[in-house]
């Protein structure tokens, strides 16, 4: 019965970034890439990692900066 009850709960969207500092760091990385300010990217990536961004989030931005966060 518990499995049935749990299956009707709304699923959390795992793509939504709930930490504002981590989101900001990833947003700044995306903006730097789009504006071709590549010399800033290494520093922004380091800050994003310190703020909890995982490798996959950073890699997704590096591969396709136009993709929404």
Foldseek 3Di string as FASTA:
>chain_A
DVVVVVVPDDDDDPVDDPDVQLVVLLLVLLVCVVVVVVVCNVVSVVSSVVVPDDPVSNVVCVVPSVDDD
